């Protein structure tokens, strides 16, 4: 199980270079304008967080299938938590409120990840429903179906990469475009 606050306990909190690369790829993909302009993801703090979580989930799900994936998965999750902490502080959230907000982020991450895990095994419509609930607040099923198709394309693309490429960060997301890649 990934634990959201392990990086607080480690003296060296700097992630390995590969983890920085992979996290950078995830953030870059989650910021692609097509998600907000064509697929209707709300261009808000919450919308961006939800899209980041969706992309994190895809990569963590793939890392879990590799023989050596648990350590890199934990390091990637730690990097995500560190980034969320940094963002909260940049937004002016006070030191006393940060732990409470981080706990909320962790709960949101685990809830969405669990929903996506369950939905992935049930097919595209179930994934679209989970995306509609978590990203579009229960509305926008057309957009959710297009984003689910993008997500499935990315999951298939990641599954097609060999384990070594996944662990090295030598892969890429399919191009983000309406309904045919994430």
C-alpha atoms as a PDB file:
ATOM      1  CA  UNK A   1       0.000   0.000   0.000  1.00  0.00           C
ATOM      2  CA  UNK A   2       1.224   3.445  -0.841  1.00  0.00           C
ATOM      3  CA  UNK A   3       1.401   5.650   2.205  1.00  0.00           C
ATOM      4  CA  UNK A   4       0.951   9.369   1.649  1.00  0.00           C
ATOM      5  CA  UNK A   5       3.353  10.738   4.202  1.00  0.00           C
ATOM      6  CA  UNK A   6       6.431   8.499   3.986  1.00  0.00           C
ATOM      7  CA  UNK A   7       8.520  11.333   2.615  1.00  0.00           C
ATOM      8  CA  UNK A   8       8.179  13.166   5.940  1.00  0.00           C
ATOM      9  CA  UNK A   9      10.018  10.322   7.663  1.00  0.00           C
ATOM     10  CA  UNK A  10      12.930   9.952   5.273  1.00  0.00           C
ATOM     11  CA  UNK A  11      15.997  12.155   5.791  1.00  0.00           C
ATOM     12  CA  UNK A  12      16.651  12.382   2.028  1.00  0.00           C
ATOM     13  CA  UNK A  13      13.400  13.476   0.451  1.00  0.00           C
ATOM     14  CA  UNK A  14      14.752  14.052  -3.019  1.00  0.00           C
ATOM     15  CA  UNK A  15      13.296  11.490  -5.426  1.00  0.00           C
ATOM     16  CA  UNK A  16      15.492   9.501  -7.788  1.00  0.00           C
ATOM     17  CA  UNK A  17      15.993  11.173 -11.179  1.00  0.00           C
ATOM     18  CA  UNK A  18      13.761   8.624 -12.914  1.00  0.00           C
ATOM     19  CA  UNK A  19      10.900   9.415 -10.546  1.00  0.00           C
ATOM     20  CA  UNK A  20      11.300  13.140 -11.220  1.00  0.00           C
ATOM     21  CA  UNK A  21      11.149  12.390 -14.958  1.00  0.00           C
ATOM     22  CA  UNK A  22       8.057  10.186 -14.669  1.00  0.00           C
ATOM     23  CA  UNK A  23       6.275  12.652 -12.395  1.00  0.00           C
ATOM     24  CA  UNK A  24       7.138  15.461 -14.807  1.00  0.00           C
ATOM     25  CA  UNK A  25       5.635  13.426 -17.655  1.00  0.00           C
ATOM     26  CA  UNK A  26       2.447  12.912 -15.652  1.00  0.00           C
ATOM     27  CA  UNK A  27       2.120  16.591 -14.751  1.00  0.00           C
ATOM     28  CA  UNK A  28       2.841  17.683 -18.319  1.00  0.00           C
ATOM     29  CA  UNK A  29       0.216  15.314 -19.694  1.00  0.00           C
ATOM     30  CA  UNK A  30      -2.370  16.355 -17.112  1.00  0.00           C
ATOM     31  CA  UNK A  31      -1.841  19.998 -18.132  1.00  0.00           C
ATOM     32  CA  UNK A  32      -2.495  19.387 -21.839  1.00  0.00           C
ATOM     33  CA  UNK A  33      -4.986  22.065 -22.969  1.00  0.00           C
ATOM     34  CA  UNK A  34      -7.074  19.550 -24.941  1.00  0.00           C
ATOM     35  CA  UNK A  35      -8.398  18.073 -21.691  1.00  0.00           C
ATOM     36  CA  UNK A  36      -9.798  21.440 -20.654  1.00  0.00           C
ATOM     37  CA  UNK A  37     -10.741  22.903 -24.034  1.00  0.00           C
ATOM     38  CA  UNK A  38     -12.174  19.893 -25.879  1.00  0.00           C
ATOM     39  CA  UNK A  39     -12.906  17.282 -23.239  1.00  0.00           C
ATOM     40  CA  UNK A  40     -14.570  19.669 -20.800  1.00  0.00           C
ATOM     41  CA  UNK A  41     -12.441  19.024 -17.718  1.00  0.00           C
ATOM     42  CA  UNK A  42     -13.033  22.034 -15.456  1.00  0.00           C
ATOM     43  CA  UNK A  43      -9.999  24.323 -15.644  1.00  0.00           C
ATOM     44  CA  UNK A  44      -9.994  24.814 -11.890  1.00  0.00           C
ATOM     45  CA  UNK A  45      -7.747  23.730  -9.037  1.00  0.00           C
ATOM     46  CA  UNK A  46     -10.052  20.756  -8.449  1.00  0.00           C
ATOM     47  CA  UNK A  47     -10.252  19.865 -12.135  1.00  0.00           C
ATOM     48  CA  UNK A  48      -6.482  19.937 -12.495  1.00  0.00           C
ATOM     49  CA  UNK A  49      -6.054  17.871  -9.327  1.00  0.00           C
ATOM     50  CA  UNK A  50      -8.555  15.295 -10.577  1.00  0.00           C
ATOM     51  CA  UNK A  51      -6.822  14.990 -13.939  1.00  0.00           C
ATOM     52  CA  UNK A  52      -3.434  14.668 -12.229  1.00  0.00           C
ATOM     53  CA  UNK A  53      -4.858  11.902 -10.030  1.00  0.00           C
ATOM     54  CA  UNK A  54      -6.244  10.101 -13.098  1.00  0.00           C
ATOM     55  CA  UNK A  55      -2.822  10.134 -14.773  1.00  0.00           C
ATOM     56  CA  UNK A  56      -1.039   9.165 -11.551  1.00  0.00           C
ATOM     57  CA  UNK A  57      -3.433   6.251 -11.194  1.00  0.00           C
ATOM     58  CA  UNK A  58      -2.673   5.031 -14.724  1.00  0.00           C
ATOM     59  CA  UNK A  59       1.080   5.026 -14.132  1.00  0.00           C
ATOM     60  CA  UNK A  60       0.896   3.581 -10.618  1.00  0.00           C
ATOM     61  CA  UNK A  61      -1.423   0.867 -11.876  1.00  0.00           C
ATOM     62  CA  UNK A  62       1.173  -0.060 -14.508  1.00  0.00           C
ATOM     63  CA  UNK A  63       4.082   0.111 -12.043  1.00  0.00           C
ATOM     64  CA  UNK A  64       2.272  -2.350  -9.784  1.00  0.00           C
ATOM     65  CA  UNK A  65       2.465  -4.953 -12.548  1.00  0.00           C
ATOM     66  CA  UNK A  66       6.270  -4.842 -12.729  1.00  0.00           C
ATOM     67  CA  UNK A  67       8.405  -7.111 -10.596  1.00  0.00           C
ATOM     68  CA  UNK A  68      10.333  -4.202  -9.068  1.00  0.00           C
ATOM     69  CA  UNK A  69       7.489  -1.698  -9.192  1.00  0.00           C
ATOM     70  CA  UNK A  70       6.534  -1.217  -5.558  1.00  0.00           C
ATOM     71  CA  UNK A  71       9.556   0.885  -4.589  1.00  0.00           C
ATOM     72  CA  UNK A  72       9.299   3.183  -7.629  1.00  0.00           C
ATOM     73  CA  UNK A  73       5.530   3.381  -7.128  1.00  0.00           C
ATOM     74  CA  UNK A  74       6.032   4.505  -3.542  1.00  0.00           C
ATOM     75  CA  UNK A  75       8.685   7.027  -4.605  1.00  0.00           C
ATOM     76  CA  UNK A  76       6.340   8.374  -7.287  1.00  0.00           C
ATOM     77  CA  UNK A  77       3.509   8.679  -4.788  1.00  0.00           C
ATOM     78  CA  UNK A  78       5.855  10.422  -2.336  1.00  0.00           C
ATOM     79  CA  UNK A  79       6.792  12.893  -5.093  1.00  0.00           C
ATOM     80  CA  UNK A  80       3.098  13.541  -5.734  1.00  0.00           C
ATOM     81  CA  UNK A  81       2.533  14.224  -2.016  1.00  0.00           C
ATOM     82  CA  UNK A  82       5.531  16.532  -1.869  1.00  0.00           C
ATOM     83  CA  UNK A  83       4.207  18.436  -4.883  1.00  0.00           C
ATOM     84  CA  UNK A  84       0.747  18.750  -3.313  1.00  0.00           C
ATOM     85  CA  UNK A  85       2.320  20.031  -0.084  1.00  0.00           C
ATOM     86  CA  UNK A  86       4.403  22.568  -2.018  1.00  0.00           C
ATOM     87  CA  UNK A  87       1.345  23.721  -3.981  1.00  0.00           C
ATOM     88  CA  UNK A  88      -0.697  24.214  -0.829  1.00  0.00           C
ATOM     89  CA  UNK A  89       2.030  26.357   0.695  1.00  0.00           C
ATOM     90  CA  UNK A  90       2.388  28.382  -2.531  1.00  0.00           C
ATOM     91  CA  UNK A  91      -1.371  29.001  -2.446  1.00  0.00           C
ATOM     92  CA  UNK A  92      -0.967  30.438   1.038  1.00  0.00           C
ATOM     93  CA  UNK A  93      -2.386  27.587   3.101  1.00  0.00           C
ATOM     94  CA  UNK A  94      -1.021  27.933   6.634  1.00  0.00           C
ATOM     95  CA  UNK A  95       1.247  25.393   8.302  1.00  0.00           C
ATOM     96  CA  UNK A  96      -1.483  24.235  10.660  1.00  0.00           C
ATOM     97  CA  UNK A  97      -3.952  23.552   7.829  1.00  0.00           C
ATOM     98  CA  UNK A  98      -1.536  21.724   5.512  1.00  0.00           C
ATOM     99  CA  UNK A  99      -1.732  18.318   7.257  1.00  0.00           C
ATOM    100  CA  UNK A 100      -5.534  18.413   7.202  1.00  0.00           C
ATOM    101  CA  UNK A 101      -5.559  19.309   3.500  1.00  0.00           C
ATOM    102  CA  UNK A 102      -2.960  16.633   2.753  1.00  0.00           C
ATOM    103  CA  UNK A 103      -5.158  14.065   4.472  1.00  0.00           C
ATOM    104  CA  UNK A 104      -8.059  15.188   2.279  1.00  0.00           C
ATOM    105  CA  UNK A 105      -5.842  14.842  -0.809  1.00  0.00           C
ATOM    106  CA  UNK A 106      -4.844  11.347   0.270  1.00  0.00           C
ATOM    107  CA  UNK A 107      -8.452  10.315   0.827  1.00  0.00           C
ATOM    108  CA  UNK A 108      -9.452  11.755  -2.551  1.00  0.00           C
ATOM    109  CA  UNK A 109      -6.562   9.984  -4.254  1.00  0.00           C
ATOM    110  CA  UNK A 110      -7.366   6.603  -2.715  1.00  0.00           C
ATOM    111  CA  UNK A 111     -11.098   6.945  -3.321  1.00  0.00           C
ATOM    112  CA  UNK A 112     -10.636   7.828  -6.981  1.00  0.00           C
ATOM    113  CA  UNK A 113      -7.965   5.182  -7.499  1.00  0.00           C
ATOM    114  CA  UNK A 114     -10.207   2.517  -6.010  1.00  0.00           C
ATOM    115  CA  UNK A 115     -13.122   3.625  -8.199  1.00  0.00           C
ATOM    116  CA  UNK A 116     -10.920   3.579 -11.313  1.00  0.00           C
ATOM    117  CA  UNK A 117      -9.492   0.160 -10.423  1.00  0.00           C
ATOM    118  CA  UNK A 118     -12.983  -1.297 -10.100  1.00  0.00           C
ATOM    119  CA  UNK A 119     -14.265   0.439 -13.220  1.00  0.00           C
ATOM    120  CA  UNK A 120     -11.328  -0.592 -15.388  1.00  0.00           C
ATOM    121  CA  UNK A 121     -12.210  -4.250 -14.891  1.00  0.00           C
ATOM    122  CA  UNK A 122     -15.804  -3.551 -15.929  1.00  0.00           C
ATOM    123  CA  UNK A 123     -15.109  -1.766 -19.203  1.00  0.00           C
ATOM    124  CA  UNK A 124     -15.371   1.606 -20.870  1.00  0.00           C
ATOM    125  CA  UNK A 125     -18.882   2.509 -19.690  1.00  0.00           C
ATOM    126  CA  UNK A 126     -18.020   1.838 -16.047  1.00  0.00           C
ATOM    127  CA  UNK A 127     -14.826   3.877 -16.372  1.00  0.00           C
ATOM    128  CA  UNK A 128     -16.824   6.716 -17.958  1.00  0.00           C
ATOM    129  CA  UNK A 129     -19.247   6.616 -15.010  1.00  0.00           C
ATOM    130  CA  UNK A 130     -16.357   6.775 -12.510  1.00  0.00           C
ATOM    131  CA  UNK A 131     -14.785   9.663 -14.423  1.00  0.00           C
ATOM    132  CA  UNK A 132     -18.133  11.464 -14.639  1.00  0.00           C
ATOM    133  CA  UNK A 133     -18.541  11.181 -10.874  1.00  0.00           C
ATOM    134  CA  UNK A 134     -14.972  12.119  -9.923  1.00  0.00           C
ATOM    135  CA  UNK A 135     -14.017  14.703 -12.532  1.00  0.00           C
ATOM    136  CA  UNK A 136     -17.315  16.087 -13.840  1.00  0.00           C
ATOM    137  CA  UNK A 137     -19.289  16.002 -10.554  1.00  0.00           C
ATOM    138  CA  UNK A 138     -21.805  13.536 -11.985  1.00  0.00           C
ATOM    139  CA  UNK A 139     -22.533  15.597 -15.100  1.00  0.00           C
ATOM    140  CA  UNK A 140     -21.072  15.646 -18.587  1.00  0.00           C
ATOM    141  CA  UNK A 141     -21.311  11.979 -19.507  1.00  0.00           C
ATOM    142  CA  UNK A 142     -20.336  12.735 -23.127  1.00  0.00           C
ATOM    143  CA  UNK A 143     -17.116  14.350 -21.963  1.00  0.00           C
ATOM    144  CA  UNK A 144     -16.582  11.538 -19.459  1.00  0.00           C
ATOM    145  CA  UNK A 145     -16.960   8.921 -22.196  1.00  0.00           C
ATOM    146  CA  UNK A 146     -14.399  10.713 -24.361  1.00  0.00           C
ATOM    147  CA  UNK A 147     -12.001  11.013 -21.405  1.00  0.00           C
ATOM    148  CA  UNK A 148     -12.578   7.333 -20.557  1.00  0.00           C
ATOM    149  CA  UNK A 149     -11.647   6.427 -24.151  1.00  0.00           C
ATOM    150  CA  UNK A 150      -8.475   8.523 -23.775  1.00  0.00           C
ATOM    151  CA  UNK A 151      -7.743   6.811 -20.481  1.00  0.00           C
ATOM    152  CA  UNK A 152      -8.224   3.330 -21.949  1.00  0.00           C
ATOM    153  CA  UNK A 153      -5.872   4.217 -24.815  1.00  0.00           C
ATOM    154  CA  UNK A 154      -3.240   5.359 -22.320  1.00  0.00           C
ATOM    155  CA  UNK A 155      -3.695   2.237 -20.164  1.00  0.00           C
ATOM    156  CA  UNK A 156      -3.265   0.038 -23.266  1.00  0.00           C
ATOM    157  CA  UNK A 157      -0.206   2.030 -24.328  1.00  0.00           C
ATOM    158  CA  UNK A 158       1.393   1.687 -20.891  1.00  0.00           C
ATOM    159  CA  UNK A 159       0.575  -2.043 -20.812  1.00  0.00           C
ATOM    160  CA  UNK A 160       2.327  -2.482 -24.165  1.00  0.00           C
ATOM    161  CA  UNK A 161       5.593  -1.022 -22.820  1.00  0.00           C
ATOM    162  CA  UNK A 162       8.085  -3.452 -21.396  1.00  0.00           C
ATOM    163  CA  UNK A 163       8.797  -3.282 -17.676  1.00  0.00           C
ATOM    164  CA  UNK A 164      12.303  -1.891 -18.117  1.00  0.00           C
ATOM    165  CA  UNK A 165      11.000   1.026 -20.194  1.00  0.00           C
ATOM    166  CA  UNK A 166       8.312   1.765 -17.596  1.00  0.00           C
ATOM    167  CA  UNK A 167      10.850   1.733 -14.749  1.00  0.00           C
ATOM    168  CA  UNK A 168      13.301   3.931 -16.710  1.00  0.00           C
ATOM    169  CA  UNK A 169      10.669   6.436 -17.711  1.00  0.00           C
ATOM    170  CA  UNK A 170      11.344   5.805 -21.408  1.00  0.00           C
ATOM    171  CA  UNK A 171       7.778   5.798 -22.574  1.00  0.00           C
ATOM    172  CA  UNK A 172       5.202   8.426 -23.362  1.00  0.00           C
ATOM    173  CA  UNK A 173       1.484   8.912 -23.122  1.00  0.00           C
ATOM    174  CA  UNK A 174      -0.426   8.699 -26.399  1.00  0.00           C
ATOM    175  CA  UNK A 175      -1.220  12.150 -27.793  1.00  0.00           C
ATOM    176  CA  UNK A 176      -4.092  13.791 -25.959  1.00  0.00           C
ATOM    177  CA  UNK A 177      -6.896  14.339 -28.433  1.00  0.00           C
ATOM    178  CA  UNK A 178     -10.636  14.112 -28.257  1.00  0.00           C
ATOM    179  CA  UNK A 179     -11.489  10.510 -27.538  1.00  0.00           C
ATOM    180  CA  UNK A 180      -8.472   8.722 -28.962  1.00  0.00           C
ATOM    181  CA  UNK A 181      -5.554   9.138 -26.559  1.00  0.00           C
ATOM    182  CA  UNK A 182      -4.657  10.424 -23.126  1.00  0.00           C
END
